[in-house]
Structure formats: structure tokens, C-alpha cells
Amino acid sequence: MAVTPEEVADAMFEMVKEYQGRKKFKASDLTKAMIQKFGEAECDKKLC
């Protein structure tokens, strides 16, 4: 099952919310984390 852009966006939001005030994320950090979480077959840079 393919991951939707909304699922990726929600996961990114939750990750940023979890680390709020402790870490600043760059776009590339979030992209790498989402690819690691969902797998390369389901999530790519374009989707992120």
C-alpha cells in the first residue's frame, strides 16, 4: 500500500512537535527520517 502525502505530512508534523524546543530540523532531515520510517519503496524525496 502506497503512502499518501497527507500521511507523510502528518508524520513530519508529529516528529517536529515531539522535538519542539530541543532540535531544529532542516527539510533534508525530515525527508531522510520519512524515507527511513516508511521505507524507500513507499516514500521518496518527491513525495516528501
N, C-alpha and C. Protein backbone atom coordinates (compact mmCIF):
# COMPACT_ATOMS: atom_id res chain seq x y z
N MET A 1 0.84 -1.18 0.00
CA MET A 1 0.00 0.00 0.00
C MET A 1 0.88 1.24 0.00
N ALA A 2 0.60 2.15 -0.89
CA ALA A 2 1.38 3.37 -1.02
C ALA A 2 1.04 4.36 0.10
N VAL A 3 2.02 5.12 0.46
CA VAL A 3 1.85 6.14 1.48
C VAL A 3 1.34 7.41 0.81
N THR A 4 0.35 8.05 1.40
CA THR A 4 -0.20 9.28 0.83
C THR A 4 0.60 10.48 1.32
N PRO A 5 0.56 11.57 0.57
CA PRO A 5 1.25 12.79 1.02
C PRO A 5 0.74 13.29 2.37
N GLU A 6 -0.55 13.06 2.64
CA GLU A 6 -1.11 13.50 3.92
C GLU A 6 -0.52 12.71 5.09
N GLU A 7 -0.30 11.41 4.89
CA GLU A 7 0.30 10.59 5.93
C GLU A 7 1.73 11.03 6.22
N VAL A 8 2.47 11.36 5.17
CA VAL A 8 3.85 11.83 5.33
C VAL A 8 3.85 13.17 6.06
N ALA A 9 2.97 14.07 5.65
CA ALA A 9 2.89 15.39 6.29
C ALA A 9 2.54 15.26 7.77
N ASP A 10 1.59 14.38 8.08
CA ASP A 10 1.21 14.18 9.48
C ASP A 10 2.38 13.61 10.29
N ALA A 11 3.11 12.68 9.71
CA ALA A 11 4.26 12.09 10.41
C ALA A 11 5.35 13.13 10.64
N MET A 12 5.58 14.00 9.64
CA MET A 12 6.56 15.08 9.80
C MET A 12 6.13 16.03 10.91
N PHE A 13 4.85 16.39 10.92
CA PHE A 13 4.33 17.30 11.94
C PHE A 13 4.50 16.71 13.33
N GLU A 14 4.18 15.44 13.49
CA GLU A 14 4.32 14.79 14.79
C GLU A 14 5.78 14.75 15.24
N MET A 15 6.69 14.52 14.29
CA MET A 15 8.11 14.48 14.62
C MET A 15 8.60 15.85 15.08
N VAL A 16 8.21 16.90 14.37
CA VAL A 16 8.61 18.25 14.75
C VAL A 16 8.00 18.62 16.10
N LYS A 17 6.73 18.25 16.31
CA LYS A 17 6.05 18.55 17.57
C LYS A 17 6.73 17.83 18.74
N GLU A 18 7.17 16.60 18.52
CA GLU A 18 7.82 15.82 19.57
C GLU A 18 9.14 16.47 20.01
N TYR A 19 9.89 17.03 19.07
CA TYR A 19 11.19 17.61 19.38
C TYR A 19 11.15 19.14 19.53
N GLN A 20 9.98 19.71 19.65
CA GLN A 20 9.83 21.16 19.74
C GLN A 20 10.68 21.74 20.87
N GLY A 21 11.48 22.73 20.54
CA GLY A 21 12.31 23.40 21.53
C GLY A 21 13.63 22.71 21.80
N ARG A 22 13.80 21.48 21.31
CA ARG A 22 15.04 20.74 21.56
C ARG A 22 15.89 20.59 20.31
N LYS A 23 15.27 20.59 19.14
CA LYS A 23 16.02 20.37 17.91
C LYS A 23 15.34 21.10 16.77
N LYS A 24 16.15 21.69 15.90
CA LYS A 24 15.63 22.33 14.70
C LYS A 24 15.91 21.40 13.53
N PHE A 25 14.90 21.13 12.74
CA PHE A 25 15.03 20.24 11.60
C PHE A 25 15.17 21.02 10.31
N LYS A 26 16.04 20.53 9.44
CA LYS A 26 16.12 21.02 8.07
C LYS A 26 15.20 20.14 7.23
N ALA A 27 14.85 20.62 6.06
CA ALA A 27 13.98 19.84 5.17
C ALA A 27 14.61 18.49 4.84
N SER A 28 15.92 18.47 4.65
CA SER A 28 16.58 17.21 4.31
C SER A 28 16.54 16.22 5.47
N ASP A 29 16.60 16.72 6.71
CA ASP A 29 16.49 15.85 7.89
C ASP A 29 15.13 15.16 7.93
N LEU A 30 14.08 15.94 7.67
CA LEU A 30 12.73 15.37 7.68
C LEU A 30 12.54 14.36 6.55
N THR A 31 13.06 14.69 5.38
CA THR A 31 12.94 13.79 4.23
C THR A 31 13.61 12.46 4.53
N LYS A 32 14.83 12.51 5.05
CA LYS A 32 15.56 11.28 5.38
C LYS A 32 14.82 10.46 6.44
N ALA A 33 14.27 11.13 7.43
CA ALA A 33 13.56 10.43 8.50
C ALA A 33 12.30 9.75 7.97
N MET A 34 11.59 10.39 7.05
CA MET A 34 10.37 9.81 6.50
C MET A 34 10.69 8.62 5.59
N ILE A 35 11.77 8.72 4.83
CA ILE A 35 12.18 7.60 3.98
C ILE A 35 12.57 6.41 4.86
N GLN A 36 13.24 6.69 5.96
CA GLN A 36 13.63 5.62 6.89
C GLN A 36 12.38 5.02 7.56
N LYS A 37 11.43 5.85 7.92
CA LYS A 37 10.23 5.36 8.62
C LYS A 37 9.33 4.52 7.70
N PHE A 38 9.08 5.01 6.49
CA PHE A 38 8.14 4.33 5.59
C PHE A 38 8.82 3.37 4.62
N GLY A 39 10.13 3.49 4.45
CA GLY A 39 10.85 2.63 3.52
C GLY A 39 10.99 3.28 2.15
N GLU A 40 12.09 2.96 1.48
CA GLU A 40 12.37 3.57 0.18
C GLU A 40 11.34 3.18 -0.88
N ALA A 41 10.75 2.01 -0.76
CA ALA A 41 9.79 1.56 -1.75
C ALA A 41 8.47 2.34 -1.66
N GLU A 42 8.13 2.82 -0.48
CA GLU A 42 6.86 3.51 -0.27
C GLU A 42 6.98 5.04 -0.31
N CYS A 43 8.14 5.57 0.04
CA CYS A 43 8.31 7.00 0.21
C CYS A 43 9.60 7.44 -0.48
N ASP A 44 9.52 8.50 -1.30
CA ASP A 44 10.72 9.03 -1.94
C ASP A 44 10.81 10.54 -1.69
N LYS A 45 11.89 11.15 -2.20
CA LYS A 45 12.09 12.58 -1.97
C LYS A 45 10.98 13.41 -2.57
N LYS A 46 10.47 13.01 -3.73
CA LYS A 46 9.41 13.77 -4.38
C LYS A 46 8.14 13.78 -3.54
N LEU A 47 7.81 12.66 -2.93
CA LEU A 47 6.62 12.59 -2.07
C LEU A 47 6.78 13.46 -0.84
N CYS A 48 7.98 13.49 -0.29
CA CYS A 48 8.22 14.29 0.91
C CYS A 48 8.17 15.77 0.59
